[in-house]
Structures are given as structure tokens and as C-alpha cells.
Amino acid sequence: ANPPPVVEDGERRKLKVSTTSNPKSVAGSIAHITRAGEPPIVLAAGANSVNQAIKAVAIARKYLEQDNLTISCQPLFRKEGEINSSLNLIIIKSALTPSPEPTNPFEIKVKRDSKPSKTAGAIAGKVREGNQVTVSCINLGALPVYCAIDSISRARVYLQRDNIDFTIVPEFVHVTIR
């Protein structure tokens, strides 16, 4: 599989993810660039590309564990609310440390038909209350992931006036169906 195109732009490298990008190849590029120094910014446009980008970040986190590194990200859409708008995933690198038990955990479930502005308001409200929020996609496919990332991006904008910001940690959850 071909690695994603890399664009040199200022200090940080940018990886462009498309609908046909292989998440494992993109993850390898993210991990390689992150090991070498400053992590990349991941660019994606449209629901399918955003889905591939989020999967790649989750996979890259696993690749980086062997180096005692982890990554989180901050999603930001260039044109909020447009299904084909461009997403910038700002990747943040840190040392891998044991995760403490979450304080005040709260789960928000997102479906393909969830309203991003309403979900963003719920996320922002729970973050203001000091909750650690988990956003779960309860349907398979690109649209629930896109809706979740759109909601998270909007919540970050809603929280700016309160001088609050946060990062996300994409991960896969294994579900057993009986």
C-alpha cells in the first residue's frame, strides 16, 4: 500500500488522507514522523476520509506504544458543518504513562443521524462540569465517525469563550455480540 502524500509546510509535516487511503499505511507514516520529532497534521475532507484518518490515528497509537509514546489529537474543521469540509487533525505527542481511572466519566453515544450541534453542546456542558467525556459511535461506518468528530470540533469552539480546550484519544473498542 502506498503511504499518504506528505506536504512540507512550515514547521509541521502534513499528511493528506483520502477515501482510498489505507489506515495502516497512514498510521505507519504518522508513527514514523512522530518518532522523528514533531508529529504531523493529518488532513482529510469528507466523511470517508475523516473515518480513514481517525482509524489511522488509533492504529498509530498502538504502533507508538513500543517506543513509550502516545498521541492524542485536536480536530478542527475549516468550514464547520459542511459534509465535505476539510478537517485538520492536530497530532500531539507525549510520553506513555499509565492512565489513571477517569474522574466523573460520562459517555455520549453518537449515531449517523445525531445532530452535531446538539451533541457538541452536550460534550461542552459535560466538559465544563469537569467530566471526562467518552464519545462512542454506535453504528458502523464513516457517517457516525464523521458526526462524532464534527461534534467534538464544534464543542472545542463552544468552549473557547471559557478558555477550555481538550484533546481526543481515538481507539477501537471490541464488542462481543452474543
N, C-alpha and C. Protein backbone atom coordinates (compact mmCIF):
# COMPACT_ATOMS: atom_id res chain seq x y z
N ALA A 1 0.84 -1.18 0.00
CA ALA A 1 0.00 0.00 0.00
C ALA A 1 0.88 1.24 0.00
N ASN A 2 0.44 2.24 -0.73
CA ASN A 2 1.20 3.48 -0.84
C ASN A 2 0.97 4.35 0.39
N PRO A 3 2.03 4.99 0.91
CA PRO A 3 1.85 5.92 2.02
C PRO A 3 1.11 7.16 1.53
N PRO A 4 0.49 7.90 2.45
CA PRO A 4 -0.23 9.10 2.04
C PRO A 4 0.73 10.18 1.58
N PRO A 5 0.25 11.10 0.72
CA PRO A 5 1.11 12.20 0.31
C PRO A 5 1.51 13.04 1.52
N VAL A 6 2.79 13.45 1.54
CA VAL A 6 3.31 14.29 2.61
C VAL A 6 3.56 15.67 2.04
N VAL A 7 3.08 16.69 2.71
CA VAL A 7 3.26 18.06 2.27
C VAL A 7 4.11 18.77 3.31
N GLU A 8 5.20 19.37 2.86
CA GLU A 8 6.04 20.17 3.77
C GLU A 8 5.46 21.57 3.79
N ASP A 9 5.10 22.05 4.97
CA ASP A 9 4.50 23.37 5.09
C ASP A 9 4.90 23.97 6.43
N GLY A 10 5.92 24.80 6.42
CA GLY A 10 6.36 25.40 7.67
C GLY A 10 7.02 24.38 8.56
N GLU A 11 6.71 24.41 9.84
CA GLU A 11 7.34 23.56 10.84
C GLU A 11 6.85 22.12 10.81
N ARG A 12 5.57 21.92 10.56
CA ARG A 12 4.99 20.59 10.69
C ARG A 12 4.66 19.99 9.33
N ARG A 13 4.90 18.69 9.23
CA ARG A 13 4.54 17.97 8.01
C ARG A 13 3.04 17.71 8.04
N LYS A 14 2.46 17.62 6.86
CA LYS A 14 1.03 17.37 6.74
C LYS A 14 0.82 16.12 5.90
N LEU A 15 -0.05 15.25 6.39
CA LEU A 15 -0.41 14.03 5.67
C LEU A 15 -1.82 14.18 5.15
N LYS A 16 -1.99 13.98 3.85
CA LYS A 16 -3.32 14.06 3.25
C LYS A 16 -3.92 12.65 3.18
N VAL A 17 -5.11 12.51 3.75
CA VAL A 17 -5.79 11.22 3.77
C VAL A 17 -7.00 11.30 2.85
N SER A 18 -7.17 10.29 2.01
CA SER A 18 -8.31 10.24 1.09
C SER A 18 -9.20 9.05 1.45
N THR A 19 -10.28 8.91 0.71
CA THR A 19 -11.20 7.80 0.96
C THR A 19 -10.55 6.45 0.67
N THR A 20 -9.53 6.45 -0.18
CA THR A 20 -8.88 5.19 -0.55
C THR A 20 -7.59 4.95 0.23
N SER A 21 -7.25 5.85 1.15
CA SER A 21 -6.03 5.66 1.94
C SER A 21 -6.16 4.43 2.82
N ASN A 22 -5.07 3.68 2.92
CA ASN A 22 -5.03 2.52 3.80
C ASN A 22 -4.69 3.01 5.21
N PRO A 23 -5.60 2.82 6.19
CA PRO A 23 -5.33 3.33 7.53
C PRO A 23 -4.02 2.82 8.14
N LYS A 24 -3.62 1.58 7.84
CA LYS A 24 -2.36 1.06 8.39
C LYS A 24 -1.16 1.78 7.79
N SER A 25 -1.22 2.11 6.51
CA SER A 25 -0.13 2.86 5.88
C SER A 25 -0.04 4.27 6.43
N VAL A 26 -1.20 4.91 6.58
CA VAL A 26 -1.23 6.26 7.15
C VAL A 26 -0.71 6.21 8.59
N ALA A 27 -1.13 5.20 9.35
CA ALA A 27 -0.67 5.03 10.74
C ALA A 27 0.85 4.88 10.79
N GLY A 28 1.41 4.11 9.86
CA GLY A 28 2.86 3.95 9.79
C GLY A 28 3.55 5.27 9.55
N SER A 29 2.98 6.08 8.65
CA SER A 29 3.57 7.40 8.38
C SER A 29 3.47 8.32 9.59
N ILE A 30 2.31 8.30 10.26
CA ILE A 30 2.14 9.11 11.47
C ILE A 30 3.18 8.70 12.51
N ALA A 31 3.31 7.40 12.74
CA ALA A 31 4.25 6.89 13.75
C ALA A 31 5.69 7.26 13.38
N HIS A 32 6.07 7.08 12.12
CA HIS A 32 7.43 7.38 11.68
C HIS A 32 7.77 8.86 11.89
N ILE A 33 6.88 9.73 11.43
CA ILE A 33 7.11 11.17 11.56
C ILE A 33 7.15 11.57 13.04
N THR A 34 6.27 10.97 13.84
CA THR A 34 6.20 11.29 15.27
C THR A 34 7.47 10.85 15.99
N ARG A 35 7.98 9.67 15.65
CA ARG A 35 9.23 9.19 16.27
C ARG A 35 10.39 10.13 15.95
N ALA A 36 10.37 10.68 14.72
CA ALA A 36 11.47 11.52 14.26
C ALA A 36 11.44 12.93 14.86
N GLY A 37 10.33 13.33 15.44
CA GLY A 37 10.25 14.69 16.01
C GLY A 37 8.82 15.16 16.16
N GLU A 38 8.53 16.27 15.52
CA GLU A 38 7.20 16.88 15.63
C GLU A 38 6.17 16.03 14.87
N PRO A 39 5.06 15.65 15.52
CA PRO A 39 4.06 14.85 14.83
C PRO A 39 3.40 15.63 13.69
N PRO A 40 2.83 14.92 12.74
CA PRO A 40 2.23 15.60 11.59
C PRO A 40 0.85 16.17 11.91
N ILE A 41 0.36 16.97 11.00
CA ILE A 41 -1.04 17.37 10.97
C ILE A 41 -1.67 16.48 9.90
N VAL A 42 -2.79 15.86 10.21
CA VAL A 42 -3.47 14.98 9.27
C VAL A 42 -4.64 15.74 8.66
N LEU A 43 -4.70 15.76 7.34
CA LEU A 43 -5.74 16.47 6.60
C LEU A 43 -6.69 15.46 5.96
N ALA A 44 -7.98 15.73 6.07
CA ALA A 44 -8.98 14.86 5.44
C ALA A 44 -10.18 15.70 5.05
N ALA A 45 -10.85 15.32 3.97
CA ALA A 45 -12.05 16.04 3.52
C ALA A 45 -13.16 15.03 3.23
N GLY A 46 -14.29 15.20 3.88
CA GLY A 46 -15.43 14.32 3.68
C GLY A 46 -15.47 13.18 4.69
N ALA A 47 -16.64 12.60 4.85
CA ALA A 47 -16.88 11.58 5.88
C ALA A 47 -15.97 10.37 5.74
N ASN A 48 -15.81 9.84 4.55
CA ASN A 48 -14.99 8.64 4.37
C ASN A 48 -13.52 8.90 4.67
N SER A 49 -13.01 10.05 4.26
CA SER A 49 -11.62 10.40 4.54
C SER A 49 -11.39 10.63 6.03
N VAL A 50 -12.33 11.29 6.68
CA VAL A 50 -12.22 11.53 8.12
C VAL A 50 -12.22 10.18 8.86
N ASN A 51 -13.07 9.26 8.44
CA ASN A 51 -13.11 7.93 9.04
C ASN A 51 -11.75 7.23 8.90
N GLN A 52 -11.15 7.29 7.72
CA GLN A 52 -9.84 6.67 7.50
C GLN A 52 -8.78 7.34 8.37
N ALA A 53 -8.85 8.66 8.51
CA ALA A 53 -7.86 9.39 9.31
C ALA A 53 -7.96 9.01 10.79
N ILE A 54 -9.18 8.92 11.31
CA ILE A 54 -9.37 8.57 12.72
C ILE A 54 -8.90 7.14 12.98
N LYS A 55 -9.21 6.23 12.06
CA LYS A 55 -8.72 4.85 12.21
C LYS A 55 -7.19 4.84 12.22
N ALA A 56 -6.57 5.65 11.36
CA ALA A 56 -5.11 5.70 11.28
C ALA A 56 -4.50 6.20 12.59
N VAL A 57 -5.10 7.19 13.21
CA VAL A 57 -4.58 7.70 14.48
C VAL A 57 -4.69 6.62 15.56
N ALA A 58 -5.81 5.90 15.59
CA ALA A 58 -5.98 4.83 16.58
C ALA A 58 -4.93 3.73 16.39
N ILE A 59 -4.65 3.39 15.15
CA ILE A 59 -3.64 2.37 14.85
C ILE A 59 -2.24 2.89 15.20
N ALA A 60 -1.97 4.14 14.84
CA ALA A 60 -0.65 4.73 15.13
C ALA A 60 -0.37 4.74 16.63
N ARG A 61 -1.40 4.94 17.43
CA ARG A 61 -1.21 4.90 18.88
C ARG A 61 -0.64 3.55 19.31
N LYS A 62 -1.15 2.48 18.71
CA LYS A 62 -0.64 1.13 19.03
C LYS A 62 0.81 0.98 18.57
N TYR A 63 1.12 1.48 17.37
CA TYR A 63 2.49 1.39 16.85
C TYR A 63 3.48 2.11 17.76
N LEU A 64 3.06 3.23 18.35
CA LEU A 64 3.97 4.06 19.15
C LEU A 64 4.14 3.55 20.58
N GLU A 65 3.28 2.65 21.03
CA GLU A 65 3.39 2.11 22.40
C GLU A 65 4.76 1.48 22.64
N GLN A 66 5.31 0.78 21.64
CA GLN A 66 6.61 0.12 21.80
C GLN A 66 7.73 1.12 22.04
N ASP A 67 7.52 2.38 21.70
CA ASP A 67 8.51 3.44 21.92
C ASP A 67 8.19 4.27 23.16
N ASN A 68 7.24 3.79 23.96
CA ASN A 68 6.77 4.53 25.15
C ASN A 68 6.26 5.93 24.79
N LEU A 69 5.61 6.02 23.64
CA LEU A 69 4.99 7.27 23.20
C LEU A 69 3.50 7.05 23.00
N THR A 70 2.76 8.11 23.10
CA THR A 70 1.35 8.07 22.75
C THR A 70 1.01 9.36 22.02
N ILE A 71 -0.11 9.35 21.34
CA ILE A 71 -0.57 10.56 20.66
C ILE A 71 -2.04 10.79 20.98
N SER A 72 -2.40 12.03 20.96
CA SER A 72 -3.80 12.44 21.02
C SER A 72 -3.96 13.46 19.89
N CYS A 73 -5.15 13.96 19.70
CA CYS A 73 -5.31 14.93 18.63
C CYS A 73 -6.42 15.93 18.95
N GLN A 74 -6.40 17.01 18.21
CA GLN A 74 -7.42 18.04 18.30
C GLN A 74 -7.99 18.26 16.91
N PRO A 75 -9.27 17.89 16.72
CA PRO A 75 -9.88 18.08 15.41
C PRO A 75 -10.38 19.51 15.22
N LEU A 76 -10.20 20.03 14.02
CA LEU A 76 -10.69 21.35 13.70
C LEU A 76 -11.10 21.36 12.23
N PHE A 77 -12.37 21.65 11.97
CA PHE A 77 -12.86 21.76 10.60
C PHE A 77 -12.64 23.18 10.10
N ARG A 78 -12.28 23.30 8.84
CA ARG A 78 -12.07 24.63 8.27
C ARG A 78 -13.40 25.32 8.00
N LYS A 79 -14.42 24.56 7.56
CA LYS A 79 -15.75 25.13 7.33
C LYS A 79 -16.73 24.27 8.09
N GLU A 80 -17.03 24.69 9.30
CA GLU A 80 -17.87 23.93 10.22
C GLU A 80 -19.22 23.58 9.60
N GLY A 81 -19.61 22.32 9.77
CA GLY A 81 -20.95 21.90 9.39
C GLY A 81 -21.14 21.47 7.94
N GLU A 82 -20.11 21.60 7.13
CA GLU A 82 -20.23 21.17 5.73
C GLU A 82 -19.66 19.76 5.61
N ILE A 83 -20.45 18.85 5.03
CA ILE A 83 -20.07 17.44 4.98
C ILE A 83 -18.75 17.22 4.24
N ASN A 84 -18.39 18.07 3.31
CA ASN A 84 -17.13 17.89 2.58
C ASN A 84 -16.06 18.89 3.01
N SER A 85 -16.25 19.52 4.16
CA SER A 85 -15.25 20.48 4.61
C SER A 85 -13.98 19.76 5.03
N SER A 86 -12.90 20.49 5.04
CA SER A 86 -11.59 19.91 5.36
C SER A 86 -11.38 19.85 6.86
N LEU A 87 -10.87 18.72 7.30
CA LEU A 87 -10.55 18.51 8.70
C LEU A 87 -9.04 18.56 8.88
N ASN A 88 -8.60 19.31 9.88
CA ASN A 88 -7.21 19.26 10.33
C ASN A 88 -7.20 18.51 11.64
N LEU A 89 -6.44 17.43 11.72
CA LEU A 89 -6.23 16.72 12.98
C LEU A 89 -4.84 17.10 13.46
N ILE A 90 -4.79 17.91 14.48
CA ILE A 90 -3.51 18.34 15.05
C ILE A 90 -3.07 17.23 16.00
N ILE A 91 -1.97 16.55 15.67
CA ILE A 91 -1.49 15.43 16.47
C ILE A 91 -0.55 15.96 17.55
N ILE A 92 -0.74 15.45 18.76
CA ILE A 92 0.07 15.86 19.91
C ILE A 92 0.74 14.62 20.48
N LYS A 93 2.07 14.71 20.66
CA LYS A 93 2.87 13.59 21.15
C LYS A 93 3.15 13.77 22.64
N SER A 94 3.13 12.64 23.37
CA SER A 94 3.53 12.68 24.78
C SER A 94 4.10 11.32 25.18
N ALA A 95 4.76 11.30 26.33
CA ALA A 95 5.29 10.04 26.85
C ALA A 95 4.12 9.17 27.30
N LEU A 96 4.27 7.89 27.10
CA LEU A 96 3.24 6.93 27.51
C LEU A 96 3.33 6.74 29.02
N THR A 97 2.26 7.04 29.71
CA THR A 97 2.19 6.86 31.15
C THR A 97 0.92 6.09 31.48
N PRO A 98 0.88 5.41 32.60
CA PRO A 98 -0.36 4.70 32.96
C PRO A 98 -1.52 5.69 33.09
N SER A 99 -2.64 5.33 32.53
CA SER A 99 -3.81 6.18 32.60
C SER A 99 -4.51 6.01 33.94
N PRO A 100 -4.73 7.11 34.66
CA PRO A 100 -5.47 6.99 35.91
C PRO A 100 -6.94 6.70 35.61
N GLU A 101 -7.62 6.18 36.60
CA GLU A 101 -9.06 5.97 36.44
C GLU A 101 -9.71 7.31 36.20
N PRO A 102 -10.63 7.38 35.23
CA PRO A 102 -11.26 8.68 34.94
C PRO A 102 -12.09 9.18 36.12
N THR A 103 -12.03 10.49 36.30
CA THR A 103 -12.89 11.10 37.31
C THR A 103 -14.13 11.62 36.60
N ASN A 104 -15.26 11.38 37.18
CA ASN A 104 -16.53 11.82 36.60
C ASN A 104 -16.68 11.38 35.14
N PRO A 105 -16.57 10.08 34.84
CA PRO A 105 -16.72 9.65 33.45
C PRO A 105 -18.15 9.85 32.97
N PHE A 106 -18.28 10.18 31.69
CA PHE A 106 -19.61 10.35 31.08
C PHE A 106 -19.51 9.92 29.62
N GLU A 107 -20.44 9.07 29.18
CA GLU A 107 -20.43 8.59 27.80
C GLU A 107 -21.54 9.25 27.00
N ILE A 108 -21.18 9.70 25.81
CA ILE A 108 -22.14 10.24 24.85
C ILE A 108 -22.09 9.34 23.63
N LYS A 109 -23.25 8.81 23.23
CA LYS A 109 -23.32 7.91 22.09
C LYS A 109 -23.78 8.69 20.86
N VAL A 110 -23.07 8.45 19.77
CA VAL A 110 -23.34 9.15 18.52
C VAL A 110 -23.76 8.14 17.45
N LYS A 111 -24.83 8.49 16.74
CA LYS A 111 -25.31 7.68 15.62
C LYS A 111 -25.13 8.48 14.34
N ARG A 112 -25.36 7.83 13.22
CA ARG A 112 -25.18 8.52 11.93
C ARG A 112 -26.14 9.69 11.76
N ASP A 113 -27.27 9.68 12.47
CA ASP A 113 -28.23 10.78 12.33
C ASP A 113 -28.24 11.72 13.53
N SER A 114 -27.23 11.63 14.39
CA SER A 114 -27.12 12.56 15.51
C SER A 114 -26.88 13.97 14.98
N LYS A 115 -27.38 14.95 15.68
CA LYS A 115 -27.20 16.36 15.30
C LYS A 115 -25.91 16.88 15.93
N PRO A 116 -24.88 17.19 15.12
CA PRO A 116 -23.60 17.61 15.67
C PRO A 116 -23.67 18.82 16.60
N SER A 117 -24.51 19.80 16.31
CA SER A 117 -24.57 20.98 17.18
C SER A 117 -25.14 20.61 18.54
N LYS A 118 -26.14 19.74 18.58
CA LYS A 118 -26.73 19.31 19.85
C LYS A 118 -25.74 18.43 20.63
N THR A 119 -25.08 17.51 19.93
CA THR A 119 -24.09 16.66 20.58
C THR A 119 -22.92 17.49 21.10
N ALA A 120 -22.50 18.49 20.32
CA ALA A 120 -21.41 19.37 20.74
C ALA A 120 -21.78 20.12 22.01
N GLY A 121 -23.00 20.57 22.09
CA GLY A 121 -23.46 21.25 23.30
C GLY A 121 -23.41 20.34 24.51
N ALA A 122 -23.80 19.07 24.33
CA ALA A 122 -23.75 18.10 25.43
C ALA A 122 -22.30 17.84 25.85
N ILE A 123 -21.41 17.69 24.87
CA ILE A 123 -20.00 17.47 25.17
C ILE A 123 -19.45 18.67 25.95
N ALA A 124 -19.69 19.87 25.42
CA ALA A 124 -19.17 21.09 26.06
C ALA A 124 -19.70 21.23 27.48
N GLY A 125 -20.98 20.96 27.67
CA GLY A 125 -21.57 21.06 29.00
C GLY A 125 -20.92 20.10 29.99
N LYS A 126 -20.70 18.87 29.57
CA LYS A 126 -20.09 17.88 30.47
C LYS A 126 -18.62 18.21 30.74
N VAL A 127 -17.92 18.74 29.75
CA VAL A 127 -16.52 19.14 29.97
C VAL A 127 -16.48 20.30 30.96
N ARG A 128 -17.39 21.27 30.81
CA ARG A 128 -17.44 22.39 31.76
C ARG A 128 -17.68 21.91 33.19
N GLU A 129 -18.45 20.83 33.34
CA GLU A 129 -18.75 20.27 34.66
C GLU A 129 -17.57 19.45 35.22
N GLY A 130 -16.52 19.28 34.42
CA GLY A 130 -15.35 18.54 34.88
C GLY A 130 -15.40 17.05 34.59
N ASN A 131 -16.31 16.63 33.73
CA ASN A 131 -16.41 15.22 33.37
C ASN A 131 -15.37 14.85 32.34
N GLN A 132 -14.90 13.60 32.40
CA GLN A 132 -14.11 13.05 31.32
C GLN A 132 -15.12 12.39 30.39
N VAL A 133 -15.22 12.92 29.18
CA VAL A 133 -16.26 12.50 28.25
C VAL A 133 -15.71 11.46 27.27
N THR A 134 -16.47 10.38 27.12
CA THR A 134 -16.19 9.39 26.09
C THR A 134 -17.28 9.52 25.04
N VAL A 135 -16.88 9.68 23.78
CA VAL A 135 -17.83 9.73 22.68
C VAL A 135 -17.72 8.42 21.94
N SER A 136 -18.82 7.67 21.89
CA SER A 136 -18.84 6.35 21.25
C SER A 136 -19.73 6.39 20.02
N CYS A 137 -19.26 5.77 18.95
CA CYS A 137 -20.06 5.61 17.74
C CYS A 137 -20.79 4.28 17.86
N ILE A 138 -22.12 4.31 17.78
CA ILE A 138 -22.86 3.08 18.00
C ILE A 138 -23.34 2.43 16.70
N ASN A 139 -23.00 3.01 15.58
CA ASN A 139 -23.23 2.39 14.29
C ASN A 139 -21.89 2.25 13.60
N LEU A 140 -21.77 1.25 12.74
CA LEU A 140 -20.54 1.11 11.96
C LEU A 140 -20.58 2.05 10.78
N GLY A 141 -19.41 2.39 10.27
CA GLY A 141 -19.31 3.18 9.06
C GLY A 141 -18.79 4.57 9.28
N ALA A 142 -18.62 5.26 8.17
CA ALA A 142 -17.99 6.57 8.18
C ALA A 142 -18.87 7.67 8.76
N LEU A 143 -20.18 7.63 8.54
CA LEU A 143 -21.02 8.73 8.98
C LEU A 143 -21.06 8.93 10.50
N PRO A 144 -21.19 7.87 11.31
CA PRO A 144 -21.15 8.10 12.76
C PRO A 144 -19.81 8.66 13.23
N VAL A 145 -18.71 8.20 12.63
CA VAL A 145 -17.39 8.72 13.00
C VAL A 145 -17.30 10.20 12.62
N TYR A 146 -17.74 10.52 11.42
CA TYR A 146 -17.73 11.91 10.98
C TYR A 146 -18.57 12.78 11.91
N CYS A 147 -19.75 12.30 12.26
CA CYS A 147 -20.65 13.04 13.15
C CYS A 147 -19.99 13.26 14.50
N ALA A 148 -19.31 12.24 15.03
CA ALA A 148 -18.62 12.36 16.32
C ALA A 148 -17.51 13.41 16.24
N ILE A 149 -16.71 13.35 15.18
CA ILE A 149 -15.59 14.30 15.04
C ILE A 149 -16.10 15.71 14.80
N ASP A 150 -17.17 15.85 14.01
CA ASP A 150 -17.79 17.16 13.80
C ASP A 150 -18.29 17.72 15.14
N SER A 151 -18.93 16.87 15.94
CA SER A 151 -19.44 17.29 17.26
C SER A 151 -18.30 17.72 18.18
N ILE A 152 -17.23 16.96 18.19
CA ILE A 152 -16.07 17.27 19.04
C ILE A 152 -15.43 18.58 18.61
N SER A 153 -15.28 18.76 17.30
CA SER A 153 -14.70 20.00 16.79
C SER A 153 -15.55 21.21 17.19
N ARG A 154 -16.87 21.08 17.08
CA ARG A 154 -17.77 22.17 17.48
C ARG A 154 -17.68 22.43 18.98
N ALA A 155 -17.61 21.35 19.77
CA ALA A 155 -17.51 21.52 21.23
C ALA A 155 -16.26 22.31 21.59
N ARG A 156 -15.16 22.06 20.90
CA ARG A 156 -13.93 22.83 21.16
C ARG A 156 -14.17 24.32 20.89
N VAL A 157 -14.92 24.63 19.82
CA VAL A 157 -15.23 26.03 19.52
C VAL A 157 -16.13 26.61 20.62
N TYR A 158 -17.15 25.86 21.04
CA TYR A 158 -18.05 26.33 22.10
C TYR A 158 -17.30 26.64 23.39
N LEU A 159 -16.25 25.87 23.68
CA LEU A 159 -15.51 26.02 24.93
C LEU A 159 -14.45 27.12 24.89
N GLN A 160 -14.17 27.66 23.71
CA GLN A 160 -13.14 28.70 23.59
C GLN A 160 -13.42 29.90 24.48
N ARG A 161 -14.69 30.32 24.56
CA ARG A 161 -15.01 31.50 25.37
C ARG A 161 -14.78 31.26 26.87
N ASP A 162 -14.70 29.97 27.26
CA ASP A 162 -14.41 29.61 28.65
C ASP A 162 -12.93 29.30 28.86
N ASN A 163 -12.13 29.51 27.81
CA ASN A 163 -10.69 29.18 27.85
C ASN A 163 -10.45 27.73 28.22
N ILE A 164 -11.29 26.84 27.68
CA ILE A 164 -11.14 25.40 27.90
C ILE A 164 -10.87 24.75 26.56
N ASP A 165 -9.91 23.85 26.54
CA ASP A 165 -9.65 23.06 25.35
C ASP A 165 -9.35 21.64 25.79
N PHE A 166 -9.39 20.72 24.86
CA PHE A 166 -9.15 19.32 25.18
C PHE A 166 -8.62 18.59 23.96
N THR A 167 -8.10 17.41 24.20
CA THR A 167 -7.65 16.55 23.11
C THR A 167 -8.51 15.29 23.11
N ILE A 168 -8.45 14.56 22.01
CA ILE A 168 -9.16 13.29 21.93
C ILE A 168 -8.15 12.16 21.72
N VAL A 169 -8.56 10.98 22.14
CA VAL A 169 -7.71 9.80 22.02
C VAL A 169 -8.52 8.73 21.29
N PRO A 170 -8.42 8.70 19.96
CA PRO A 170 -9.18 7.69 19.21
C PRO A 170 -8.70 6.28 19.53
N GLU A 171 -9.63 5.38 19.73
CA GLU A 171 -9.29 3.98 19.97
C GLU A 171 -10.43 3.10 19.51
N PHE A 172 -10.07 1.87 19.23
CA PHE A 172 -11.06 0.87 18.86
C PHE A 172 -11.59 0.19 20.11
N VAL A 173 -12.85 -0.13 20.11
CA VAL A 173 -13.46 -0.86 21.21
C VAL A 173 -13.98 -2.17 20.63
N HIS A 174 -13.59 -3.27 21.28
CA HIS A 174 -14.06 -4.58 20.84
C HIS A 174 -15.39 -4.90 21.50
N VAL A 175 -16.36 -5.28 20.69
CA VAL A 175 -17.69 -5.58 21.19
C VAL A 175 -17.98 -7.04 20.89
N THR A 176 -18.45 -7.76 21.90
CA THR A 176 -18.85 -9.15 21.73
C THR A 176 -20.37 -9.20 21.65
N ILE A 177 -20.86 -9.76 20.58
CA ILE A 177 -22.31 -9.90 20.39
C ILE A 177 -22.66 -11.36 20.60
N ARG A 178 -23.60 -11.59 21.47
CA ARG A 178 -24.00 -12.98 21.77
C ARG A 178 -25.34 -13.27 21.20
